[in-house]
C-alpha atoms as a PDB file:
ATOM      1  CA  MET A   1      91.932  45.330  96.071  1.00  0.00           C
ATOM      2  CA  VAL A   2      91.773  46.001  99.795  1.00  0.00           C
ATOM      3  CA  VAL A   3      94.418  47.870 101.771  1.00  0.00           C
ATOM      4  CA  HIS A   4      94.402  48.015 105.576  1.00  0.00           C
ATOM      5  CA  THR A   5      96.678  50.176 107.706  1.00  0.00           C
ATOM      6  CA  THR A   6      97.069  49.424 111.399  1.00  0.00           C
ATOM      7  CA  SER A   7      98.610  51.025 114.444  1.00  0.00           C
ATOM      8  CA  HIS A   8     101.736  48.904 113.874  1.00  0.00           C
ATOM      9  CA  GLY A   9     102.581  50.870 110.757  1.00  0.00           C
ATOM     10  CA  LEU A  10     102.069  47.872 108.479  1.00  0.00           C
ATOM     11  CA  LEU A  11     100.263  48.011 105.150  1.00  0.00           C
ATOM     12  CA  PHE A  12      98.184  44.978 104.229  1.00  0.00           C
ATOM     13  CA  LEU A  13      96.978  44.400 100.674  1.00  0.00           C
ATOM     14  CA  ALA A  14      94.640  41.681  99.422  1.00  0.00           C
ATOM     15  CA  LEU A  15      93.608  41.246  95.802  1.00  0.00           C
ATOM     16  CA  LEU A  16      90.117  39.838  95.701  1.00  0.00           C
ATOM     17  CA  GLY A  17      89.130  37.906  92.623  1.00  0.00           C
ATOM     18  CA  LEU A  18      85.471  37.624  93.618  1.00  0.00           C
ATOM     19  CA  PRO A  19      82.924  40.454  93.486  1.00  0.00           C
ATOM     20  CA  ILE A  20      82.393  42.174  96.834  1.00  0.00           C
ATOM     21  CA  THR A  21      78.850  41.757  98.065  1.00  0.00           C
ATOM     22  CA  THR A  22      76.668  44.352  99.745  1.00  0.00           C
ATOM     23  CA  SER A  23      76.797  42.457 103.019  1.00  0.00           C
ATOM     24  CA  GLN A  24      80.589  42.351 102.922  1.00  0.00           C
ATOM     25  CA  LEU A  25      81.313  46.010 102.282  1.00  0.00           C
ATOM     26  CA  SER A  26      77.986  47.779 102.680  1.00  0.00           C
ATOM     27  CA  ALA A  27      77.866  48.293  98.907  1.00  0.00           C
ATOM     28  CA  ALA A  28      79.607  51.465  97.807  1.00  0.00           C
ATOM     29  CA  GLU A  29      79.609  53.524 100.987  1.00  0.00           C
ATOM     30  CA  ALA A  30      82.889  55.256 101.833  1.00  0.00           C
ATOM     31  CA  ASP A  31      84.398  58.381 103.322  1.00  0.00           C
ATOM     32  CA  PHE A  32      86.416  59.153 100.175  1.00  0.00           C
ATOM     33  CA  TYR A  33      86.258  58.039  96.565  1.00  0.00           C
ATOM     34  CA  VAL A  34      88.937  57.855  93.856  1.00  0.00           C
ATOM     35  CA  SER A  35      88.040  57.668  90.164  1.00  0.00           C
ATOM     36  CA  LEU A  36      89.603  58.171  86.745  1.00  0.00           C
ATOM     37  CA  GLN A  37      86.907  60.820  86.280  1.00  0.00           C
ATOM     38  CA  GLY A  38      87.923  62.524  89.517  1.00  0.00           C
ATOM     39  CA  ASN A  39      89.816  65.686  90.356  1.00  0.00           C
ATOM     40  CA  ASP A  40      92.287  66.123  93.217  1.00  0.00           C
ATOM     41  CA  GLY A  41      90.878  69.606  93.731  1.00  0.00           C
ATOM     42  CA  TRP A  42      87.506  68.154  94.736  1.00  0.00           C
ATOM     43  CA  SER A  43      86.484  66.961  98.191  1.00  0.00           C
ATOM     44  CA  GLY A  44      86.489  63.266  97.266  1.00  0.00           C
ATOM     45  CA  ARG A  45      83.263  62.798  99.255  1.00  0.00           C
ATOM     46  CA  LEU A  46      81.120  62.028  96.188  1.00  0.00           C
ATOM     47  CA  ALA A  47      81.282  58.775  94.228  1.00  0.00           C
ATOM     48  CA  GLU A  48      80.465  60.521  90.925  1.00  0.00           C
ATOM     49  CA  PRO A  49      81.264  64.002  89.575  1.00  0.00           C
ATOM     50  CA  ARG A  50      78.515  66.462  90.439  1.00  0.00           C
ATOM     51  CA  GLY A  51      76.406  67.724  87.556  1.00  0.00           C
ATOM     52  CA  ASP A  52      77.803  71.266  87.728  1.00  0.00           C
ATOM     53  CA  GLY A  53      81.404  69.999  87.819  1.00  0.00           C
ATOM     54  CA  GLY A  54      82.050  71.634  91.173  1.00  0.00           C
ATOM     55  CA  ASP A  55      82.746  68.516  93.224  1.00  0.00           C
ATOM     56  CA  GLY A  56      83.223  64.777  92.980  1.00  0.00           C
ATOM     57  CA  PRO A  57      85.730  61.983  93.598  1.00  0.00           C
ATOM     58  CA  LEU A  58      89.502  62.403  93.796  1.00  0.00           C
ATOM     59  CA  ALA A  59      91.745  61.418  90.904  1.00  0.00           C
ATOM     60  CA  THR A  60      94.691  59.798  92.687  1.00  0.00           C
ATOM     61  CA  LEU A  61      95.503  57.467  95.552  1.00  0.00           C
ATOM     62  CA  GLY A  62      97.974  60.002  96.925  1.00  0.00           C
ATOM     63  CA  ALA A  63      95.262  62.643  97.202  1.00  0.00           C
ATOM     64  CA  ALA A  64      93.082  60.252  99.235  1.00  0.00           C
ATOM     65  CA  ARG A  65      96.016  59.565 101.554  1.00  0.00           C
ATOM     66  CA  ASP A  66      96.543  63.314 102.018  1.00  0.00           C
ATOM     67  CA  LYS A  67      92.850  63.861 102.803  1.00  0.00           C
ATOM     68  CA  ILE A  68      93.083  61.299 105.588  1.00  0.00           C
ATOM     69  CA  ARG A  69      96.237  62.941 106.919  1.00  0.00           C
ATOM     70  CA  LEU A  70      94.241  66.161 107.264  1.00  0.00           C
ATOM     71  CA  LEU A  71      91.527  64.284 109.158  1.00  0.00           C
ATOM     72  CA  LYS A  72      94.155  62.990 111.579  1.00  0.00           C
ATOM     73  CA  LYS A  73      95.873  66.335 112.078  1.00  0.00           C
ATOM     74  CA  PRO A  74      93.672  67.475 115.039  1.00  0.00           C
ATOM     75  CA  GLY A  75      94.156  64.102 116.736  1.00  0.00           C
ATOM     76  CA  PRO A  76      93.670  60.320 116.390  1.00  0.00           C
ATOM     77  CA  LEU A  77      90.683  59.047 114.419  1.00  0.00           C
ATOM     78  CA  ASP A  78      87.663  58.010 116.468  1.00  0.00           C
ATOM     79  CA  LYS A  79      86.073  55.858 113.758  1.00  0.00           C
ATOM     80  CA  PRO A  80      87.112  53.806 110.711  1.00  0.00           C
ATOM     81  CA  VAL A  81      87.891  55.614 107.448  1.00  0.00           C
ATOM     82  CA  ARG A  82      87.248  53.917 104.135  1.00  0.00           C
ATOM     83  CA  VAL A  83      88.398  54.840 100.634  1.00  0.00           C
ATOM     84  CA  LEU A  84      86.848  53.216  97.564  1.00  0.00           C
ATOM     85  CA  LEU A  85      88.724  53.142  94.263  1.00  0.00           C
ATOM     86  CA  ARG A  86      86.885  52.815  90.965  1.00  0.00           C
ATOM     87  CA  GLY A  87      88.128  50.408  88.320  1.00  0.00           C
ATOM     88  CA  GLY A  88      90.633  51.342  85.616  1.00  0.00           C
ATOM     89  CA  THR A  89      94.345  51.947  85.210  1.00  0.00           C
ATOM     90  CA  TYR A  90      95.863  54.759  87.269  1.00  0.00           C
ATOM     91  CA  ARG A  91      99.150  55.981  85.785  1.00  0.00           C
ATOM     92  CA  LEU A  92     101.866  56.819  88.323  1.00  0.00           C
ATOM     93  CA  ASP A  93     104.845  59.053  87.603  1.00  0.00           C
ATOM     94  CA  ALA A  94     106.242  58.500  91.114  1.00  0.00           C
ATOM     95  CA  PRO A  95     105.750  55.989  93.950  1.00  0.00           C
ATOM     96  CA  VAL A  96     102.811  56.526  96.327  1.00  0.00           C
ATOM     97  CA  CYS A  97     104.399  56.297  99.783  1.00  0.00           C
ATOM     98  CA  PHE A  98     102.655  55.370 103.023  1.00  0.00           C
ATOM     99  CA  GLY A  99     104.359  55.811 106.394  1.00  0.00           C
ATOM    100  CA  PRO A 100     103.549  55.267 110.074  1.00  0.00           C
ATOM    101  CA  GLU A 101     101.557  58.498 110.055  1.00  0.00           C
ATOM    102  CA  ASP A 102      99.120  56.838 107.632  1.00  0.00           C
ATOM    103  CA  SER A 103      98.303  54.012 110.052  1.00  0.00           C
ATOM    104  CA  GLY A 104      94.945  53.464 111.655  1.00  0.00           C
ATOM    105  CA  THR A 105      94.129  51.714 114.915  1.00  0.00           C
ATOM    106  CA  THR A 106      92.289  48.552 115.874  1.00  0.00           C
ATOM    107  CA  SER A 107      89.130  50.540 116.616  1.00  0.00           C
ATOM    108  CA  ALA A 108      89.600  53.040 113.775  1.00  0.00           C
ATOM    109  CA  PRO A 109      91.314  51.260 110.857  1.00  0.00           C
ATOM    110  CA  ILE A 110      92.039  52.981 107.550  1.00  0.00           C
ATOM    111  CA  ILE A 111      90.848  50.871 104.624  1.00  0.00           C
ATOM    112  CA  TYR A 112      91.518  51.297 100.901  1.00  0.00           C
ATOM    113  CA  ALA A 113      89.294  49.008  98.845  1.00  0.00           C
ATOM    114  CA  ALA A 114      88.208  48.438  95.264  1.00  0.00           C
ATOM    115  CA  TRP A 115      84.711  49.510  94.278  1.00  0.00           C
ATOM    116  CA  PRO A 116      82.534  46.364  94.484  1.00  0.00           C
ATOM    117  CA  GLY A 117      83.082  44.243  91.382  1.00  0.00           C
ATOM    118  CA  GLU A 118      85.714  46.565  89.864  1.00  0.00           C
ATOM    119  CA  LYS A 119      89.503  46.280  89.535  1.00  0.00           C
ATOM    120  CA  PRO A 120      91.723  49.342  89.963  1.00  0.00           C
ATOM    121  CA  ILE A 121      95.281  48.949  88.617  1.00  0.00           C
ATOM    122  CA  PHE A 122      98.186  51.204  89.574  1.00  0.00           C
ATOM    123  CA  SER A 123     100.892  51.252  86.922  1.00  0.00           C
ATOM    124  CA  GLY A 124     104.161  53.098  86.502  1.00  0.00           C
ATOM    125  CA  GLY A 125     104.223  52.131  82.825  1.00  0.00           C
ATOM    126  CA  ILE A 126     104.020  54.691  80.024  1.00  0.00           C
ATOM    127  CA  PRO A 127     101.700  53.916  77.067  1.00  0.00           C
ATOM    128  CA  ILE A 128     103.538  53.900  73.716  1.00  0.00           C
ATOM    129  CA  THR A 129     101.440  54.649  70.640  1.00  0.00           C
ATOM    130  CA  GLY A 130     102.098  55.268  66.963  1.00  0.00           C
ATOM    131  CA  TRP A 131     103.571  51.878  66.059  1.00  0.00           C
ATOM    132  CA  LYS A 132     104.406  51.343  62.374  1.00  0.00           C
ATOM    133  CA  LYS A 133     105.107  48.080  60.545  1.00  0.00           C
ATOM    134  CA  GLY A 134     108.783  47.703  59.733  1.00  0.00           C
ATOM    135  CA  PRO A 135     110.612  45.193  57.526  1.00  0.00           C
ATOM    136  CA  GLY A 136     109.947  41.527  58.231  1.00  0.00           C
ATOM    137  CA  PRO A 137     108.651  40.894  61.753  1.00  0.00           C
ATOM    138  CA  LEU A 138     109.791  44.284  63.055  1.00  0.00           C
ATOM    139  CA  TRP A 139     107.581  47.058  64.445  1.00  0.00           C
ATOM    140  CA  ILE A 140     108.944  50.592  64.858  1.00  0.00           C
ATOM    141  CA  VAL A 141     107.921  53.515  67.066  1.00  0.00           C
ATOM    142  CA  ASP A 142     109.403  56.803  68.270  1.00  0.00           C
ATOM    143  CA  VAL A 143     109.333  56.584  72.090  1.00  0.00           C
ATOM    144  CA  PRO A 144     108.597  59.997  73.693  1.00  0.00           C
ATOM    145  CA  ASN A 145     111.425  61.344  75.869  1.00  0.00           C
ATOM    146  CA  ALA A 146     113.496  58.188  75.306  1.00  0.00           C
ATOM    147  CA  ARG A 147     116.633  60.335  75.131  1.00  0.00           C
ATOM    148  CA  ASP A 148     116.065  61.478  78.705  1.00  0.00           C
ATOM    149  CA  PRO A 149     118.121  59.159  80.964  1.00  0.00           C
ATOM    150  CA  ALA A 150     115.401  59.388  83.615  1.00  0.00           C
ATOM    151  CA  ARG A 151     112.825  58.026  81.135  1.00  0.00           C
ATOM    152  CA  GLN A 152     114.772  55.089  79.722  1.00  0.00           C
ATOM    153  CA  PHE A 153     112.992  51.778  80.192  1.00  0.00           C
ATOM    154  CA  ARG A 154     114.094  48.170  80.593  1.00  0.00           C
ATOM    155  CA  GLN A 155     110.806  46.346  80.098  1.00  0.00           C
ATOM    156  CA  LEU A 156     108.281  46.391  77.259  1.00  0.00           C
ATOM    157  CA  PHE A 157     104.767  44.942  77.476  1.00  0.00           C
ATOM    158  CA  VAL A 158     102.427  44.535  74.507  1.00  0.00           C
ATOM    159  CA  GLY A 159      98.855  43.501  75.246  1.00  0.00           C
ATOM    160  CA  GLY A 160      99.882  42.580  78.777  1.00  0.00           C
ATOM    161  CA  ARG A 161     102.664  40.267  77.530  1.00  0.00           C
ATOM    162  CA  ARG A 162     106.353  41.000  78.179  1.00  0.00           C
ATOM    163  CA  CYS A 163     108.148  41.498  74.841  1.00  0.00           C
ATOM    164  CA  THR A 164     111.787  41.896  73.820  1.00  0.00           C
ATOM    165  CA  PRO A 165     112.910  45.227  72.294  1.00  0.00           C
ATOM    166  CA  ALA A 166     115.135  44.949  69.219  1.00  0.00           C
ATOM    167  CA  ARG A 167     118.525  43.596  70.232  1.00  0.00           C
ATOM    168  CA  THR A 168     121.393  41.369  69.123  1.00  0.00           C
ATOM    169  CA  PRO A 169     121.470  38.529  69.932  1.00  0.00           C
ATOM    170  CA  ASN A 170     117.755  37.940  70.291  1.00  0.00           C
ATOM    171  CA  GLU A 171     118.395  35.773  73.354  1.00  0.00           C
ATOM    172  CA  GLY A 172     121.295  35.526  75.778  1.00  0.00           C
ATOM    173  CA  TYR A 173     124.603  37.348  75.274  1.00  0.00           C
ATOM    174  CA  PHE A 174     127.756  37.307  73.205  1.00  0.00           C
ATOM    175  CA  TYR A 175     130.787  35.980  75.056  1.00  0.00           C
ATOM    176  CA  SER A 176     134.464  36.404  74.260  1.00  0.00           C
ATOM    177  CA  ALA A 177     136.220  33.313  72.924  1.00  0.00           C
ATOM    178  CA  GLY A 178     139.421  34.421  74.619  1.00  0.00           C
ATOM    179  CA  PRO A 179     142.293  36.897  74.130  1.00  0.00           C
ATOM    180  CA  ALA A 180     143.357  37.668  70.571  1.00  0.00           C
ATOM    181  CA  ILE A 181     147.002  36.997  71.429  1.00  0.00           C
ATOM    182  CA  GLU A 182     147.823  33.370  72.087  1.00  0.00           C
ATOM    183  CA  TRP A 183     149.761  32.965  75.316  1.00  0.00           C
ATOM    184  CA  THR A 184     150.907  30.350  77.789  1.00  0.00           C
ATOM    185  CA  ASP A 185     152.563  32.641  80.350  1.00  0.00           C
ATOM    186  CA  ARG A 186     149.807  34.620  82.110  1.00  0.00           C
ATOM    187  CA  ASP A 187     152.175  37.165  83.688  1.00  0.00           C
ATOM    188  CA  LYS A 188     153.824  37.834  80.338  1.00  0.00           C
ATOM    189  CA  ALA A 189     150.441  38.147  78.652  1.00  0.00           C
ATOM    190  CA  ASP A 190     149.185  40.595  81.278  1.00  0.00           C
ATOM    191  CA  ALA A 191     152.130  42.863  80.454  1.00  0.00           C
ATOM    192  CA  ASP A 192     151.309  42.799  76.740  1.00  0.00           C
ATOM    193  CA  GLU A 193     148.998  45.739  75.870  1.00  0.00           C
ATOM    194  CA  ARG A 194     147.525  43.757  72.977  1.00  0.00           C
ATOM    195  CA  THR A 195     145.787  41.405  75.413  1.00  0.00           C
ATOM    196  CA  LYS A 196     143.972  44.426  76.879  1.00  0.00           C
ATOM    197  CA  THR A 197     142.809  45.935  73.597  1.00  0.00           C
ATOM    198  CA  SER A 198     141.679  42.896  71.590  1.00  0.00           C
ATOM    199  CA  PHE A 199     139.820  39.625  71.913  1.00  0.00           C
ATOM    200  CA  ARG A 200     138.588  36.712  69.827  1.00  0.00           C
ATOM    201  CA  TYR A 201     134.906  36.087  69.134  1.00  0.00           C
ATOM    202  CA  LYS A 202     132.981  32.967  68.266  1.00  0.00           C
ATOM    203  CA  ALA A 203     132.634  32.499  64.536  1.00  0.00           C
ATOM    204  CA  ASP A 204     128.818  32.302  64.631  1.00  0.00           C
ATOM    205  CA  ASP A 205     128.397  35.460  66.756  1.00  0.00           C
ATOM    206  CA  LEU A 206     129.581  38.089  64.279  1.00  0.00           C
ATOM    207  CA  GLN A 207     129.235  37.951  60.517  1.00  0.00           C
ATOM    208  CA  THR A 208     131.327  39.702  57.885  1.00  0.00           C
ATOM    209  CA  TRP A 209     129.640  42.879  56.637  1.00  0.00           C
ATOM    210  CA  GLU A 210     128.782  42.612  52.960  1.00  0.00           C
ATOM    211  CA  ASP A 211     128.872  46.401  52.692  1.00  0.00           C
ATOM    212  CA  LEU A 212     131.458  48.184  54.843  1.00  0.00           C
ATOM    213  CA  ASP A 213     129.517  51.450  54.504  1.00  0.00           C
ATOM    214  CA  ASP A 214     126.585  49.776  56.262  1.00  0.00           C
ATOM    215  CA  ALA A 215     128.897  48.871  59.142  1.00  0.00           C
ATOM    216  CA  VAL A 216     130.120  52.475  59.395  1.00  0.00           C
ATOM    217  CA  ARG A 217     126.559  53.817  59.355  1.00  0.00           C
ATOM    218  CA  SER A 218     125.509  51.338  62.051  1.00  0.00           C
ATOM    219  CA  ASP A 219     128.405  52.416  64.276  1.00  0.00           C
ATOM    220  CA  ALA A 220     127.631  56.097  63.608  1.00  0.00           C
ATOM    221  CA  ILE A 221     124.040  55.624  64.789  1.00  0.00           C
ATOM    222  CA  SER A 222     125.265  54.148  68.083  1.00  0.00           C
ATOM    223  CA  LEU A 223     127.680  57.054  68.558  1.00  0.00           C
ATOM    224  CA  LEU A 224     125.001  59.644  67.733  1.00  0.00           C
ATOM    225  CA  CYS A 225     122.622  58.095  70.266  1.00  0.00           C
ATOM    226  CA  ASP A 226     125.366  58.240  72.898  1.00  0.00           C
ATOM    227  CA  ILE A 227     126.026  61.923  72.148  1.00  0.00           C
ATOM    228  CA  ALA A 228     122.308  62.815  72.290  1.00  0.00           C
ATOM    229  CA  VAL A 229     121.956  61.087  75.681  1.00  0.00           C
ATOM    230  CA  ARG A 230     125.093  62.777  77.060  1.00  0.00           C
ATOM    231  CA  LEU A 231     123.948  66.249  75.960  1.00  0.00           C
ATOM    232  CA  LYS A 232     120.264  65.551  76.734  1.00  0.00           C
ATOM    233  CA  ARG A 233     119.044  67.105  73.504  1.00  0.00           C
ATOM    234  CA  ARG A 234     118.127  66.268  69.930  1.00  0.00           C
ATOM    235  CA  ILE A 235     120.905  66.429  67.342  1.00  0.00           C
ATOM    236  CA  VAL A 236     120.655  66.691  63.541  1.00  0.00           C
ATOM    237  CA  TRP A 237     122.802  64.430  61.368  1.00  0.00           C
ATOM    238  CA  ASP A 238     123.622  65.047  57.685  1.00  0.00           C
ATOM    239  CA  PRO A 239     124.220  61.552  56.228  1.00  0.00           C
ATOM    240  CA  LYS A 240     125.648  62.895  52.961  1.00  0.00           C
ATOM    241  CA  GLN A 241     128.270  65.052  54.645  1.00  0.00           C
ATOM    242  CA  ALA A 242     128.599  62.616  57.568  1.00  0.00           C
ATOM    243  CA  THR A 243     128.488  65.424  60.113  1.00  0.00           C
ATOM    244  CA  ILE A 244     126.337  66.883  62.874  1.00  0.00           C
ATOM    245  CA  VAL A 245     124.544  70.044  61.766  1.00  0.00           C
ATOM    246  CA  GLY A 246     124.438  73.276  63.767  1.00  0.00           C
ATOM    247  CA  ASP A 247     125.852  71.945  67.026  1.00  0.00           C
ATOM    248  CA  ASP A 248     129.597  72.464  67.488  1.00  0.00           C
ATOM    249  CA  GLU A 249     129.645  70.891  70.955  1.00  0.00           C
ATOM    250  CA  ALA A 250     128.033  67.698  69.667  1.00  0.00           C
ATOM    251  CA  ALA A 251     130.271  67.663  66.573  1.00  0.00           C
ATOM    252  CA  LYS A 252     133.407  67.736  68.749  1.00  0.00           C
ATOM    253  CA  LEU A 253     132.223  64.601  70.529  1.00  0.00           C
ATOM    254  CA  MET A 254     132.312  62.764  67.187  1.00  0.00           C
ATOM    255  CA  ARG A 255     136.108  63.052  67.258  1.00  0.00           C
ATOM    256  CA  ARG A 256     137.086  62.548  70.870  1.00  0.00           C
ATOM    257  CA  PRO A 257     140.755  61.682  71.545  1.00  0.00           C
ATOM    258  CA  MET A 258     141.274  57.942  71.861  1.00  0.00           C
ATOM    259  CA  ARG A 259     142.579  56.600  75.143  1.00  0.00           C
ATOM    260  CA  PRO A 260     145.980  54.926  74.782  1.00  0.00           C
ATOM    261  CA  PRO A 261     146.894  52.337  73.735  1.00  0.00           C
ATOM    262  CA  TRP A 262     143.897  52.454  71.363  1.00  0.00           C
ATOM    263  CA  THR A 263     144.741  53.727  67.864  1.00  0.00           C
ATOM    264  CA  LEU A 264     142.939  54.068  64.565  1.00  0.00           C
END
């Protein structure tokens, strides 16, 4: 990976699949270094941590950017500045932003490059561990902080391959087969509340529940998840008493008034 910043405020990135030779990049010489073994409290001037642990490379790309900003504070750079990044996966909990103030010039460019022969990867993904084998082809895991709306995810990768979280249907979507009330006059149908509160489904989409209690429990789980997300906290459910334990606010949400014309 090589990143160049110019006086035009543009950021250029090139992913190099071939090892970088000594003649191309003067081996591993740089002004700042970033490593998974680094520390943002260090100077970043050393490629490896010092033996006494008092100095060494930086730990993040953002810290290297900030070091260069300090270099530029007294005035424009008078020579090129180069940052080398060691291989490995750098986990990001927020975007690393570069602006016009991070630009170099034609005579003093700012270059971010991979350590020769290594491949740094910057990822906003969160590792998920603790998987357990479930029934059939299913695998189950408790995702940390999944109840936090800010931490909900839409993509799942396993071994570098995009996978599909448990869902129904496994592919595509369910579509309505039309209104539940047969009608030929659209205006008349629009005035009928039943056309707004019911619909028909395709016979193959939904199957009859063999055990109605299973259907109730499945619906209760969905409702409990919704309540936990709304309140942003863990709730305790007593399946025998079918009630939320020790949380009156959450329990009230189990019996919210239905919006008319819905009835039960």
